[in-house]
Amino acid sequence: MISGVTIKHYIFCPAIIQIESLGFEERITEAMIEGEEVDKEKVMNFLYPTLKAKQVVKKPVLRYKDLIGIPDYVLKFSYYYSPLDLKNSRRISLDHKFQILFYSYIMEKLNMIVKEAYLYYIPLKRILKIPYTSQDKDHVEKMIDDIRKIQRNENRKNIRIIQPTKKCKNCGFFNYCKPIKYGNFYLREI
């Protein structure tokens, strides 16, 4: 099963996919708990008039084959749909972008027309409109293929992952990963 969290983990560090396939789970951090405590209804009451969607569906479960995604909201406009995720982060992140594009991909596979996706960063009070293009679709399909290969341990050659020490030390899988430190970086092969 590949979920939106799997995509986030893959973008953060592909080694996480291998660690999860071995049965290990991420440690829960204070930031994760804080993110769940955000009053998303209050935020949506603020966003709804801005986005002008005809309908809003909260926490829909999107399933297509072995893919599952649960965006915070799906917005229905006149001729298309858009996923919306709320993030309790002060940092705009690439893993958030690909998570929301993954939801767009599943929606497209479920015969929904998707033109764009939205990320709303609550502490920044900033909404990002992310176009969903054929290039994004191709990139998501490549990520899904790579993740499946890692999960099935089908790598033909080892993948070398080099991460800054700060990034690795803040990872919820650090204790399972056991990367090797080289100066200001950690190295791991999968």
C-alpha atoms as a PDB file:
ATOM      1  CA  MET A   1       0.000   0.000   0.000  1.00  0.00           C
ATOM      2  CA  ILE A   2       1.289   3.447  -0.916  1.00  0.00           C
ATOM      3  CA  SER A   3      -0.203   6.415   0.935  1.00  0.00           C
ATOM      4  CA  GLY A   4       0.297  10.161   0.976  1.00  0.00           C
ATOM      5  CA  VAL A   5       2.571   9.698   3.995  1.00  0.00           C
ATOM      6  CA  THR A   6       4.637   7.175   1.996  1.00  0.00           C
ATOM      7  CA  ILE A   7       5.152   9.840  -0.676  1.00  0.00           C
ATOM      8  CA  LYS A   8       6.181  12.411   1.957  1.00  0.00           C
ATOM      9  CA  HIS A   9       8.647   9.940   3.438  1.00  0.00           C
ATOM     10  CA  TYR A  10      10.080   9.066   0.004  1.00  0.00           C
ATOM     11  CA  ILE A  11      10.715  12.736  -0.795  1.00  0.00           C
ATOM     12  CA  PHE A  12      12.252  13.328   2.651  1.00  0.00           C
ATOM     13  CA  CYS A  13      14.520  10.268   2.345  1.00  0.00           C
ATOM     14  CA  PRO A  14      14.066   7.087   0.260  1.00  0.00           C
ATOM     15  CA  ALA A  15      15.712   5.015   3.039  1.00  0.00           C
ATOM     16  CA  ILE A  16      12.521   5.480   5.086  1.00  0.00           C
ATOM     17  CA  ILE A  17      10.598   3.346   2.556  1.00  0.00           C
ATOM     18  CA  GLN A  18      12.985   0.445   3.088  1.00  0.00           C
ATOM     19  CA  ILE A  19      12.865   0.868   6.893  1.00  0.00           C
ATOM     20  CA  GLU A  20       9.042   0.894   6.869  1.00  0.00           C
ATOM     21  CA  SER A  21       8.964  -2.219   4.644  1.00  0.00           C
ATOM     22  CA  LEU A  22      10.902  -3.985   7.419  1.00  0.00           C
ATOM     23  CA  GLY A  23       8.080  -3.169   9.862  1.00  0.00           C
ATOM     24  CA  PHE A  24       9.520  -0.183  11.716  1.00  0.00           C
ATOM     25  CA  GLU A  25       7.305   2.824  12.495  1.00  0.00           C
ATOM     26  CA  GLU A  26       8.129   6.489  12.856  1.00  0.00           C
ATOM     27  CA  ARG A  27       8.395   7.883  16.368  1.00  0.00           C
ATOM     28  CA  ILE A  28       5.656  10.415  17.107  1.00  0.00           C
ATOM     29  CA  THR A  29       7.018  13.922  17.668  1.00  0.00           C
ATOM     30  CA  GLU A  30       5.510  16.911  19.442  1.00  0.00           C
ATOM     31  CA  ALA A  31       5.212  18.692  16.084  1.00  0.00           C
ATOM     32  CA  MET A  32       3.085  15.826  14.731  1.00  0.00           C
ATOM     33  CA  ILE A  33       0.751  15.966  17.734  1.00  0.00           C
ATOM     34  CA  GLU A  34       0.538  19.752  17.486  1.00  0.00           C
ATOM     35  CA  GLY A  35      -0.374  19.489  13.792  1.00  0.00           C
ATOM     36  CA  GLU A  36      -3.330  17.239  14.586  1.00  0.00           C
ATOM     37  CA  GLU A  37      -4.622  19.635  17.258  1.00  0.00           C
ATOM     38  CA  VAL A  38      -5.149  22.512  14.811  1.00  0.00           C
ATOM     39  CA  ASP A  39      -8.781  23.577  14.498  1.00  0.00           C
ATOM     40  CA  LYS A  40      -9.146  22.806  10.794  1.00  0.00           C
ATOM     41  CA  GLU A  41     -12.819  23.815  10.752  1.00  0.00           C
ATOM     42  CA  LYS A  42     -11.897  27.313  11.883  1.00  0.00           C
ATOM     43  CA  VAL A  43      -9.264  27.520   9.146  1.00  0.00           C
ATOM     44  CA  MET A  44     -11.727  26.274   6.511  1.00  0.00           C
ATOM     45  CA  ASN A  45     -14.300  28.868   7.570  1.00  0.00           C
ATOM     46  CA  PHE A  46     -11.617  31.445   6.740  1.00  0.00           C
ATOM     47  CA  LEU A  47     -10.547  29.763   3.462  1.00  0.00           C
ATOM     48  CA  TYR A  48     -13.976  28.844   2.065  1.00  0.00           C
ATOM     49  CA  PRO A  49     -14.958  32.336   0.871  1.00  0.00           C
ATOM     50  CA  THR A  50     -11.486  32.861  -0.615  1.00  0.00           C
ATOM     51  CA  LEU A  51     -11.462  29.678  -2.692  1.00  0.00           C
ATOM     52  CA  LYS A  52     -15.126  29.897  -3.794  1.00  0.00           C
ATOM     53  CA  ALA A  53     -15.635  26.143  -4.148  1.00  0.00           C
ATOM     54  CA  LYS A  54     -19.155  24.915  -4.853  1.00  0.00           C
ATOM     55  CA  GLN A  55     -18.740  22.004  -2.441  1.00  0.00           C
ATOM     56  CA  VAL A  56     -16.174  20.895   0.159  1.00  0.00           C
ATOM     57  CA  VAL A  57     -15.662  17.276   1.217  1.00  0.00           C
ATOM     58  CA  LYS A  58     -13.752  16.755   4.480  1.00  0.00           C
ATOM     59  CA  LYS A  59     -11.204  13.913   4.800  1.00  0.00           C
ATOM     60  CA  PRO A  60     -12.301  11.839   1.783  1.00  0.00           C
ATOM     61  CA  VAL A  61     -10.628   8.447   1.445  1.00  0.00           C
ATOM     62  CA  LEU A  62      -9.307   8.187  -2.104  1.00  0.00           C
ATOM     63  CA  ARG A  63      -8.422   4.635  -3.219  1.00  0.00           C
ATOM     64  CA  TYR A  64      -7.078   3.375  -6.513  1.00  0.00           C
ATOM     65  CA  LYS A  65      -5.573  -0.123  -6.597  1.00  0.00           C
ATOM     66  CA  ASP A  66      -2.741  -0.098  -4.007  1.00  0.00           C
ATOM     67  CA  LEU A  67      -2.798   3.707  -3.653  1.00  0.00           C
ATOM     68  CA  ILE A  68      -4.597   5.496  -0.837  1.00  0.00           C
ATOM     69  CA  GLY A  69      -4.784   9.164  -0.029  1.00  0.00           C
ATOM     70  CA  ILE A  70      -6.703  11.151   2.554  1.00  0.00           C
ATOM     71  CA  PRO A  71      -6.379  14.865   1.881  1.00  0.00           C
ATOM     72  CA  ASP A  72      -7.808  17.229   4.482  1.00  0.00           C
ATOM     73  CA  TYR A  73     -10.379  18.416   1.926  1.00  0.00           C
ATOM     74  CA  VAL A  74     -11.456  18.010  -1.686  1.00  0.00           C
ATOM     75  CA  LEU A  75     -12.911  21.129  -3.258  1.00  0.00           C
ATOM     76  CA  LYS A  76     -15.478  20.775  -6.020  1.00  0.00           C
ATOM     77  CA  PHE A  77     -15.628  23.595  -8.526  1.00  0.00           C
ATOM     78  CA  SER A  78     -17.888  23.857 -11.583  1.00  0.00           C
ATOM     79  CA  TYR A  79     -15.858  21.591 -13.879  1.00  0.00           C
ATOM     80  CA  TYR A  80     -13.024  20.211 -11.803  1.00  0.00           C
ATOM     81  CA  TYR A  81     -11.812  19.145  -8.340  1.00  0.00           C
ATOM     82  CA  SER A  82      -8.855  20.214  -6.204  1.00  0.00           C
ATOM     83  CA  PRO A  83      -7.334  18.572  -3.132  1.00  0.00           C
ATOM     84  CA  LEU A  84      -6.473  20.882  -0.223  1.00  0.00           C
ATOM     85  CA  ASP A  85      -4.136  20.043   2.639  1.00  0.00           C
ATOM     86  CA  LEU A  86      -3.608  22.198   5.711  1.00  0.00           C
ATOM     87  CA  LYS A  87      -0.080  22.256   7.122  1.00  0.00           C
ATOM     88  CA  ASN A  88       0.876  23.473  10.579  1.00  0.00           C
ATOM     89  CA  SER A  89       4.383  24.371   9.477  1.00  0.00           C
ATOM     90  CA  ARG A  90       6.370  27.550   9.038  1.00  0.00           C
ATOM     91  CA  ARG A  91       8.418  25.866   6.312  1.00  0.00           C
ATOM     92  CA  ILE A  92       7.143  25.364   2.771  1.00  0.00           C
ATOM     93  CA  SER A  93       8.295  21.907   1.851  1.00  0.00           C
ATOM     94  CA  LEU A  94       8.794  19.818  -1.278  1.00  0.00           C
ATOM     95  CA  ASP A  95       7.399  16.712   0.445  1.00  0.00           C
ATOM     96  CA  HIS A  96       4.118  18.581   1.044  1.00  0.00           C
ATOM     97  CA  LYS A  97       3.955  19.498  -2.639  1.00  0.00           C
ATOM     98  CA  PHE A  98       4.409  15.925  -3.840  1.00  0.00           C
ATOM     99  CA  GLN A  99       1.956  14.603  -1.265  1.00  0.00           C
ATOM    100  CA  ILE A 100      -0.774  16.898  -2.642  1.00  0.00           C
ATOM    101  CA  LEU A 101       0.199  16.021  -6.233  1.00  0.00           C
ATOM    102  CA  PHE A 102      -0.132  12.345  -5.268  1.00  0.00           C
ATOM    103  CA  TYR A 103      -3.718  13.046  -4.128  1.00  0.00           C
ATOM    104  CA  SER A 104      -4.322  14.803  -7.459  1.00  0.00           C
ATOM    105  CA  TYR A 105      -3.005  11.719  -9.274  1.00  0.00           C
ATOM    106  CA  ILE A 106      -5.365   9.372  -7.410  1.00  0.00           C
ATOM    107  CA  MET A 107      -8.298  11.711  -8.060  1.00  0.00           C
ATOM    108  CA  GLU A 108      -7.456  11.703 -11.779  1.00  0.00           C
ATOM    109  CA  LYS A 109      -7.323   7.887 -11.739  1.00  0.00           C
ATOM    110  CA  LEU A 110     -10.816   7.998 -10.178  1.00  0.00           C
ATOM    111  CA  ASN A 111     -12.031   9.963 -13.237  1.00  0.00           C
ATOM    112  CA  MET A 112     -12.041  13.356 -11.554  1.00  0.00           C
ATOM    113  CA  ILE A 113     -10.731  16.305 -13.539  1.00  0.00           C
ATOM    114  CA  VAL A 114      -7.941  17.962 -11.522  1.00  0.00           C
ATOM    115  CA  LYS A 115      -6.356  21.224 -12.645  1.00  0.00           C
ATOM    116  CA  GLU A 116      -4.661  22.316  -9.444  1.00  0.00           C
ATOM    117  CA  ALA A 117      -4.082  21.493  -5.810  1.00  0.00           C
ATOM    118  CA  TYR A 118      -3.811  23.693  -2.731  1.00  0.00           C
ATOM    119  CA  LEU A 119      -1.590  23.802   0.340  1.00  0.00           C
ATOM    120  CA  TYR A 120      -2.435  26.147   3.184  1.00  0.00           C
ATOM    121  CA  TYR A 121       0.290  26.891   5.726  1.00  0.00           C
ATOM    122  CA  ILE A 122      -1.600  27.845   8.873  1.00  0.00           C
ATOM    123  CA  PRO A 123       1.138  29.709  10.823  1.00  0.00           C
ATOM    124  CA  LEU A 124       2.101  31.663   7.694  1.00  0.00           C
ATOM    125  CA  LYS A 125      -1.536  32.284   6.670  1.00  0.00           C
ATOM    126  CA  ARG A 126      -0.384  31.476   3.147  1.00  0.00           C
ATOM    127  CA  ILE A 127      -2.139  29.459   0.478  1.00  0.00           C
ATOM    128  CA  LEU A 128      -0.201  27.890  -2.380  1.00  0.00           C
ATOM    129  CA  LYS A 129      -1.939  27.039  -5.623  1.00  0.00           C
ATOM    130  CA  ILE A 130      -0.057  24.197  -7.309  1.00  0.00           C
ATOM    131  CA  PRO A 131      -0.900  23.413 -10.950  1.00  0.00           C
ATOM    132  CA  TYR A 132      -1.339  19.710 -11.749  1.00  0.00           C
ATOM    133  CA  THR A 133       0.307  19.051 -15.122  1.00  0.00           C
ATOM    134  CA  SER A 134       1.130  16.016 -17.239  1.00  0.00           C
ATOM    135  CA  GLN A 135       4.753  16.410 -16.108  1.00  0.00           C
ATOM    136  CA  ASP A 136       3.615  16.207 -12.479  1.00  0.00           C
ATOM    137  CA  LYS A 137       1.630  13.080 -13.309  1.00  0.00           C
ATOM    138  CA  ASP A 138       4.731  11.500 -14.891  1.00  0.00           C
ATOM    139  CA  HIS A 139       6.825  12.418 -11.861  1.00  0.00           C
ATOM    140  CA  VAL A 140       4.266  10.918  -9.448  1.00  0.00           C
ATOM    141  CA  GLU A 141       4.138   7.708 -11.519  1.00  0.00           C
ATOM    142  CA  LYS A 142       7.951   7.475 -11.394  1.00  0.00           C
ATOM    143  CA  MET A 143       7.931   7.947  -7.608  1.00  0.00           C
ATOM    144  CA  ILE A 144       5.273   5.251  -7.217  1.00  0.00           C
ATOM    145  CA  ASP A 145       7.353   2.877  -9.357  1.00  0.00           C
ATOM    146  CA  ASP A 146      10.520   3.641  -7.341  1.00  0.00           C
ATOM    147  CA  ILE A 147       8.675   3.122  -4.048  1.00  0.00           C
ATOM    148  CA  ARG A 148       7.304  -0.233  -5.194  1.00  0.00           C
ATOM    149  CA  LYS A 149      10.822  -1.364  -6.152  1.00  0.00           C
ATOM    150  CA  ILE A 150      12.206  -0.357  -2.757  1.00  0.00           C
ATOM    151  CA  GLN A 151       9.302  -2.052  -0.938  1.00  0.00           C
ATOM    152  CA  ARG A 152       9.903  -5.273  -2.893  1.00  0.00           C
ATOM    153  CA  ASN A 153      13.685  -4.938  -2.491  1.00  0.00           C
ATOM    154  CA  GLU A 154      14.128  -4.951  -6.287  1.00  0.00           C
ATOM    155  CA  ASN A 155      16.923  -2.405  -6.514  1.00  0.00           C
ATOM    156  CA  ARG A 156      19.367  -3.571  -9.162  1.00  0.00           C
ATOM    157  CA  LYS A 157      22.087  -1.433  -7.604  1.00  0.00           C
ATOM    158  CA  ASN A 158      22.393   0.233  -4.234  1.00  0.00           C
ATOM    159  CA  ILE A 159      21.021   3.742  -3.934  1.00  0.00           C
ATOM    160  CA  ARG A 160      23.385   6.033  -2.053  1.00  0.00           C
ATOM    161  CA  ILE A 161      21.599   8.606   0.099  1.00  0.00           C
ATOM    162  CA  ILE A 162      23.494  11.577   1.507  1.00  0.00           C
ATOM    163  CA  GLN A 163      21.675  13.870   3.940  1.00  0.00           C
ATOM    164  CA  PRO A 164      22.755  16.805   6.122  1.00  0.00           C
ATOM    165  CA  THR A 165      23.297  15.778   9.765  1.00  0.00           C
ATOM    166  CA  LYS A 166      20.550  18.127  11.022  1.00  0.00           C
ATOM    167  CA  LYS A 167      17.991  16.537   8.695  1.00  0.00           C
ATOM    168  CA  CYS A 168      18.914  12.994   9.741  1.00  0.00           C
ATOM    169  CA  LYS A 169      18.968  13.746  13.474  1.00  0.00           C
ATOM    170  CA  ASN A 170      15.422  15.173  13.248  1.00  0.00           C
ATOM    171  CA  CYS A 171      14.121  12.122  11.365  1.00  0.00           C
ATOM    172  CA  GLY A 172      11.647   9.855  13.158  1.00  0.00           C
ATOM    173  CA  PHE A 173      13.463   6.822  11.730  1.00  0.00           C
ATOM    174  CA  PHE A 174      17.023   7.826  12.703  1.00  0.00           C
ATOM    175  CA  ASN A 175      17.375   5.140  15.402  1.00  0.00           C
ATOM    176  CA  TYR A 176      16.462   2.390  12.899  1.00  0.00           C
ATOM    177  CA  CYS A 177      18.438   3.763   9.967  1.00  0.00           C
ATOM    178  CA  LYS A 178      21.918   3.813  11.496  1.00  0.00           C
ATOM    179  CA  PRO A 179      23.542   5.999   8.796  1.00  0.00           C
ATOM    180  CA  ILE A 180      27.300   6.566   8.785  1.00  0.00           C
ATOM    181  CA  LYS A 181      28.462  10.086   9.627  1.00  0.00           C
ATOM    182  CA  TYR A 182      30.927  11.832   7.296  1.00  0.00           C
ATOM    183  CA  GLY A 183      31.628  15.386   8.472  1.00  0.00           C
ATOM    184  CA  ASN A 184      28.383  17.370   8.196  1.00  0.00           C
ATOM    185  CA  PHE A 185      26.556  14.588   6.370  1.00  0.00           C
ATOM    186  CA  TYR A 186      25.157  11.107   6.910  1.00  0.00           C
ATOM    187  CA  LEU A 187      25.467   8.355   4.321  1.00  0.00           C
ATOM    188  CA  ARG A 188      23.135   5.383   3.869  1.00  0.00           C
ATOM    189  CA  GLU A 189      22.838   2.849   1.073  1.00  0.00           C
ATOM    190  CA  ILE A 190      19.652   0.968   0.292  1.00  0.00           C
END
